[in-house]
Amino acid sequence: MKAHRMALATILALVLMSGATRAQWLNHPTPGIPRLPDGRPNLSAPPSRLPDGHPDLSGIWDVGNMLYFHDLARELKPGEVQLTPWAAAIRKQRMDRNHVDDPYGYCLPLGVPRINVRSPFKILQTPQLTAFLHETYVGMIFRQVFTDGRRLPEISEAEPTWLGYSVGKWDGDTFVVDTVGFRDRGWLSAMQAYPHSDALHVTERWRRADVGHMELTVTIDDPKAYVKPWTNKIPLLLLPDTELLEAFCDNQMTILKQWSIDPMPPEPPSPPLAGAKPD
């Protein structure tokens, strides 16, 4: 148990790193942001629009706290998140082991949508592609959301990945992103240890309310892990007049070598979907 506590402390060291060193280019105001008479950003001004008329989502965004990172389902009513027996057993094992098996503690990438609620990220928009540049403590990670009309791949055809395959489209002033093609047995939350399977389908709805505020609505649809889809809303804040700062956990694996952690028991693979045809 002592080893478990030490490993959890390692994970939390990554999770709770101070954000005081995030800022770069402190004396260079972000172009295009409306200003108040004193020069400060006017964060309540209406967002600018792209040439096609859609809201401009670009900028550096941050959730500003660790609440949704630890519990993606925070403030949802009891019963809104119902785990299948397979997922409940996986979650219990993770929590019984004091969360030491979280891939994030071993410098592995955060999945979607957890990557949106850990650290700052920049949105870059083009007509064919929206890119997300993430400043995570396991390294600089990019994510591509294609808006060129392509369809999502069939799960059986996609090579499983940490961040999945994403396509986007506009629904009025809301940018809707659908993502599939994840690795099996991922994590959706740190302290709550919510699992997901390779059947996970994440829908993100990005709506910029004004210059300084974005509402991200996330729907988790994973019939192997959850009895029914569930949705939560996450507020995001613009970080003006700064830039992303590189971050890597290059010392983390060296630290882990000095500690003794019981090997992770195998997590059973997710079961086939009901009614699915065998390969």
Protein backbone atom coordinates (compact mmCIF):
# COMPACT_ATOMS: atom_id res chain seq x y z
CA MET A 1 0.00 0.00 0.00
CA LYS A 2 2.92 2.34 0.66
CA ALA A 3 4.03 1.86 -2.94
CA HIS A 4 0.52 2.63 -4.09
CA ARG A 5 0.48 5.90 -2.18
CA MET A 6 3.85 6.87 -3.63
CA ALA A 7 2.70 6.11 -7.14
CA LEU A 8 -0.45 8.15 -6.64
CA ALA A 9 1.73 11.00 -5.40
CA THR A 10 3.68 10.75 -8.66
CA ILE A 11 0.50 11.03 -10.70
CA LEU A 12 -0.68 13.95 -8.61
CA ALA A 13 2.69 15.64 -9.03
CA LEU A 14 2.03 15.69 -12.74
CA VAL A 15 -1.59 16.69 -12.28
CA LEU A 16 -1.02 19.48 -9.80
CA MET A 17 2.06 21.13 -11.27
CA SER A 18 1.95 24.86 -10.82
CA GLY A 19 0.66 26.83 -13.78
CA ALA A 20 2.77 29.84 -12.84
CA THR A 21 5.29 29.15 -15.62
CA ARG A 22 2.73 28.74 -18.40
CA ALA A 23 2.94 32.23 -19.84
CA GLN A 24 5.23 33.25 -22.68
CA TRP A 25 5.57 36.45 -24.75
CA LEU A 26 4.13 38.45 -21.86
CA ASN A 27 4.58 41.81 -23.52
CA HIS A 28 3.01 40.97 -26.87
CA PRO A 29 -0.76 41.62 -26.98
CA THR A 30 -2.76 39.05 -28.92
CA PRO A 31 -3.79 40.63 -32.25
CA GLY A 32 -7.47 40.89 -33.06
CA ILE A 33 -8.79 40.95 -29.48
CA PRO A 34 -11.05 43.95 -28.73
CA ARG A 35 -9.65 46.22 -26.04
CA LEU A 36 -11.05 48.37 -23.26
CA PRO A 37 -9.92 52.02 -23.01
CA ASP A 38 -7.17 51.00 -20.60
CA GLY A 39 -5.82 48.43 -23.05
CA ARG A 40 -7.05 45.34 -21.27
CA PRO A 41 -8.83 42.66 -23.37
CA ASN A 42 -12.60 43.15 -23.56
CA LEU A 43 -13.56 39.57 -22.76
CA SER A 44 -17.30 40.25 -22.84
CA ALA A 45 -17.29 41.61 -26.41
CA PRO A 46 -18.98 39.56 -29.15
CA PRO A 47 -16.66 37.08 -30.85
CA SER A 48 -15.35 37.87 -34.28
CA ARG A 49 -16.49 35.81 -37.25
CA LEU A 50 -14.73 33.95 -40.00
CA PRO A 51 -15.19 34.85 -43.68
CA ASP A 52 -17.85 32.11 -43.92
CA GLY A 53 -19.84 33.79 -41.14
CA HIS A 54 -19.16 31.24 -38.41
CA PRO A 55 -17.75 32.34 -35.04
CA ASP A 56 -13.98 32.45 -34.76
CA LEU A 57 -13.01 29.90 -32.07
CA SER A 58 -9.29 30.62 -32.27
CA GLY A 59 -7.28 31.48 -29.20
CA ILE A 60 -5.74 29.81 -26.17
CA TRP A 61 -8.30 28.21 -23.87
CA ASP A 62 -8.19 26.69 -20.40
CA VAL A 63 -10.75 25.26 -18.01
CA GLY A 64 -9.02 27.08 -15.13
CA ASN A 65 -9.32 24.27 -12.57
CA MET A 66 -8.86 20.52 -12.11
CA LEU A 67 -12.49 19.69 -11.32
CA TYR A 68 -13.50 18.16 -14.64
CA PHE A 69 -10.14 16.46 -15.04
CA HIS A 70 -10.79 14.54 -11.83
CA ASP A 71 -14.50 13.99 -12.52
CA LEU A 72 -15.86 14.51 -16.01
CA ALA A 73 -19.35 13.85 -14.63
CA ARG A 74 -19.17 16.43 -11.82
CA GLU A 75 -22.50 18.01 -10.83
CA LEU A 76 -24.51 15.51 -12.86
CA LYS A 77 -27.47 13.99 -11.07
CA PRO A 78 -27.23 10.47 -9.59
CA GLY A 79 -28.15 7.90 -12.18
CA GLU A 80 -27.07 9.96 -15.19
CA VAL A 81 -23.86 7.94 -15.44
CA GLN A 82 -24.66 4.23 -15.32
CA LEU A 83 -21.78 1.81 -15.86
CA THR A 84 -22.11 -1.63 -17.39
CA PRO A 85 -20.88 -4.57 -15.26
CA TRP A 86 -17.64 -4.69 -17.27
CA ALA A 87 -16.95 -0.97 -16.77
CA ALA A 88 -17.91 -1.08 -13.08
CA ALA A 89 -15.41 -3.87 -12.46
CA ILE A 90 -12.66 -1.98 -14.31
CA ARG A 91 -13.37 1.18 -12.32
CA LYS A 92 -13.34 -0.69 -9.01
CA GLN A 93 -9.96 -2.25 -9.77
CA ARG A 94 -8.50 1.15 -10.68
CA MET A 95 -9.81 2.78 -7.53
CA ASP A 96 -8.81 -0.15 -5.31
CA ARG A 97 -5.27 0.30 -6.62
CA ASN A 98 -5.41 3.99 -5.70
CA HIS A 99 -5.33 5.15 -9.34
CA VAL A 100 -1.70 4.09 -9.86
CA ASP A 101 -2.49 2.65 -13.30
CA ASP A 102 -3.61 5.92 -14.88
CA PRO A 103 -1.61 6.14 -18.15
CA TYR A 104 -1.09 9.85 -17.53
CA GLY A 105 1.15 9.00 -14.56
CA TYR A 106 3.46 7.20 -16.99
CA CYS A 107 3.78 10.09 -19.45
CA LEU A 108 1.23 8.64 -21.88
CA PRO A 109 -1.25 10.88 -23.70
CA LEU A 110 -4.57 11.92 -22.28
CA GLY A 111 -7.53 10.83 -24.36
CA VAL A 112 -10.53 12.80 -25.58
CA PRO A 113 -12.22 14.63 -23.93
CA ARG A 114 -9.89 14.51 -20.90
CA ILE A 115 -7.18 16.34 -22.83
CA ASN A 116 -9.44 19.43 -22.98
CA VAL A 117 -9.66 19.81 -19.20
CA ARG A 118 -6.06 19.38 -18.08
CA SER A 119 -4.02 22.31 -19.41
CA PRO A 120 -4.15 25.16 -21.94
CA PHE A 121 -4.65 24.49 -25.62
CA LYS A 122 -4.75 26.60 -28.75
CA ILE A 123 -7.39 26.36 -31.48
CA LEU A 124 -6.36 27.12 -35.07
CA GLN A 125 -9.05 27.18 -37.77
CA THR A 126 -8.76 26.72 -41.52
CA PRO A 127 -11.55 25.88 -43.99
CA GLN A 128 -10.47 22.24 -44.25
CA LEU A 129 -9.09 21.58 -40.78
CA THR A 130 -9.35 22.79 -37.20
CA ALA A 131 -6.21 22.02 -35.18
CA PHE A 132 -5.92 21.78 -31.41
CA LEU A 133 -2.43 22.34 -29.96
CA HIS A 134 -2.31 21.00 -26.40
CA GLU A 135 0.17 22.06 -23.73
CA THR A 136 0.07 18.85 -21.68
CA TYR A 137 2.65 17.85 -19.11
CA VAL A 138 3.39 14.64 -21.01
CA GLY A 139 4.47 16.66 -24.02
CA MET A 140 3.15 18.93 -26.74
CA ILE A 141 0.30 17.11 -28.49
CA PHE A 142 -1.71 18.12 -31.54
CA ARG A 143 -5.17 16.99 -32.55
CA GLN A 144 -6.75 17.31 -36.01
CA VAL A 145 -10.46 17.84 -36.65
CA PHE A 146 -11.17 17.52 -40.35
CA THR A 147 -13.85 19.73 -41.88
CA ASP A 148 -13.29 18.72 -45.51
CA GLY A 149 -16.38 16.52 -45.74
CA ARG A 150 -14.76 13.19 -44.94
CA ARG A 151 -16.70 10.66 -42.89
CA LEU A 152 -15.67 8.98 -39.67
CA PRO A 153 -13.95 5.65 -40.24
CA GLU A 154 -15.61 2.41 -39.25
CA ILE A 155 -14.26 1.34 -35.87
CA SER A 156 -13.28 -2.04 -37.32
CA GLU A 157 -11.18 -0.27 -39.97
CA ALA A 158 -9.44 2.30 -37.77
CA GLU A 159 -6.12 1.73 -36.03
CA PRO A 160 -6.92 2.45 -32.35
CA THR A 161 -5.37 5.67 -31.10
CA TRP A 162 -5.15 7.78 -27.95
CA LEU A 163 -7.03 10.75 -29.43
CA GLY A 164 -9.22 9.00 -31.99
CA TYR A 165 -10.30 10.22 -35.44
CA SER A 166 -12.25 13.49 -35.52
CA VAL A 167 -14.48 15.25 -38.04
CA GLY A 168 -16.29 18.54 -37.52
CA LYS A 169 -19.22 20.50 -38.89
CA TRP A 170 -21.21 23.60 -37.97
CA ASP A 171 -24.67 23.56 -36.43
CA GLY A 172 -25.57 27.25 -36.53
CA ASP A 173 -22.96 28.96 -34.35
CA THR A 174 -21.89 25.70 -32.67
CA PHE A 175 -18.93 23.67 -33.90
CA VAL A 176 -19.78 19.97 -33.56
CA VAL A 177 -16.93 17.43 -33.41
CA ASP A 178 -17.45 13.67 -33.54
CA THR A 179 -14.60 11.36 -32.57
CA VAL A 180 -14.23 7.56 -32.70
CA GLY A 181 -11.41 5.02 -33.03
CA PHE A 182 -10.04 4.98 -29.49
CA ARG A 183 -7.92 2.44 -27.70
CA ASP A 184 -9.79 0.06 -25.45
CA ARG A 185 -9.73 0.53 -21.65
CA GLY A 186 -8.94 4.25 -21.61
CA TRP A 187 -9.57 6.72 -18.76
CA LEU A 188 -12.14 9.53 -18.86
CA SER A 189 -11.40 10.90 -15.38
CA ALA A 190 -8.46 10.81 -12.99
CA MET A 191 -9.87 10.43 -9.46
CA GLN A 192 -13.19 8.94 -10.57
CA ALA A 193 -11.38 6.48 -12.87
CA TYR A 194 -14.22 6.29 -15.39
CA PRO A 195 -13.25 3.80 -18.12
CA HIS A 196 -14.12 3.68 -21.78
CA SER A 197 -13.92 1.01 -24.46
CA ASP A 198 -13.00 0.90 -28.13
CA ALA A 199 -16.66 1.61 -28.91
CA LEU A 200 -16.47 5.12 -27.45
CA HIS A 201 -18.03 7.88 -29.54
CA VAL A 202 -17.37 11.38 -28.19
CA THR A 203 -19.40 14.35 -29.40
CA GLU A 204 -18.11 17.82 -28.54
CA ARG A 205 -20.17 20.95 -29.12
CA TRP A 206 -18.05 24.11 -29.01
CA ARG A 207 -19.95 27.39 -28.61
CA ARG A 208 -18.15 30.68 -28.08
CA ALA A 209 -20.41 32.91 -26.00
CA ASP A 210 -18.17 35.98 -26.24
CA VAL A 211 -14.50 36.83 -26.64
CA GLY A 212 -13.49 35.40 -23.27
CA HIS A 213 -15.84 32.45 -22.75
CA MET A 214 -16.49 29.15 -24.48
CA GLU A 215 -19.00 26.45 -23.53
CA LEU A 216 -17.93 22.89 -24.32
CA THR A 217 -20.74 20.32 -24.20
CA VAL A 218 -19.43 16.75 -24.17
CA THR A 219 -21.49 13.62 -24.81
CA ILE A 220 -20.08 10.19 -23.96
CA ASP A 221 -21.68 7.39 -25.96
CA ASP A 222 -20.06 4.04 -25.20
CA PRO A 223 -22.49 1.11 -25.14
CA LYS A 224 -19.83 -1.27 -23.83
CA ALA A 225 -19.05 0.90 -20.79
CA TYR A 226 -22.27 2.85 -20.10
CA VAL A 227 -25.92 1.84 -20.06
CA LYS A 228 -26.87 5.07 -21.83
CA PRO A 229 -25.08 8.13 -23.24
CA TRP A 230 -24.37 10.98 -20.82
CA THR A 231 -23.60 14.66 -21.31
CA ASN A 232 -21.89 17.38 -19.33
CA LYS A 233 -21.12 21.06 -19.95
CA ILE A 234 -17.67 22.49 -19.30
CA PRO A 235 -16.90 26.24 -19.22
CA LEU A 236 -13.65 27.37 -20.81
CA LEU A 237 -11.83 30.70 -20.42
CA LEU A 238 -9.70 32.54 -22.97
CA LEU A 239 -6.07 33.18 -22.02
CA PRO A 240 -5.25 36.42 -23.87
CA ASP A 241 -1.87 38.04 -24.39
CA THR A 242 0.17 34.88 -23.81
CA GLU A 243 1.37 31.82 -25.67
CA LEU A 244 1.70 28.11 -25.04
CA LEU A 245 4.75 26.95 -23.12
CA GLU A 246 6.40 23.66 -23.91
CA ALA A 247 6.08 21.02 -21.21
CA PHE A 248 7.48 17.49 -20.99
CA CYS A 249 7.66 14.92 -18.21
CA ASP A 250 11.10 13.73 -19.30
CA ASN A 251 12.14 13.14 -15.68
CA GLN A 252 9.05 11.18 -14.74
CA MET A 253 10.18 7.74 -15.85
CA THR A 254 13.51 8.25 -14.08
CA ILE A 255 11.61 8.95 -10.86
CA LEU A 256 9.40 5.91 -11.30
CA LYS A 257 12.45 3.64 -11.58
CA GLN A 258 13.29 4.44 -7.96
CA TRP A 259 9.91 3.26 -6.67
CA SER A 260 8.41 -0.17 -6.28
CA ILE A 261 4.89 -0.50 -7.71
CA ASP A 262 3.01 -3.75 -7.90
CA PRO A 263 2.44 -4.75 -11.53
CA MET A 264 -0.93 -3.80 -12.91
CA PRO A 265 -3.36 -6.73 -13.00
CA PRO A 266 -4.71 -7.25 -16.52
CA GLU A 267 -7.92 -5.42 -17.25
CA PRO A 268 -10.30 -7.65 -19.18
CA PRO A 269 -10.92 -6.43 -22.73
CA SER A 270 -14.28 -4.90 -23.41
CA PRO A 271 -16.96 -7.40 -24.45
CA PRO A 272 -18.44 -7.48 -27.95
CA LEU A 273 -21.51 -5.33 -28.51
CA ALA A 274 -24.83 -7.07 -28.14
CA GLY A 275 -25.98 -8.28 -31.53
CA ALA A 276 -22.57 -7.79 -33.13
CA LYS A 277 -21.49 -10.43 -35.62
CA PRO A 278 -18.35 -12.37 -34.66
CA ASP A 279 -15.25 -11.78 -36.79
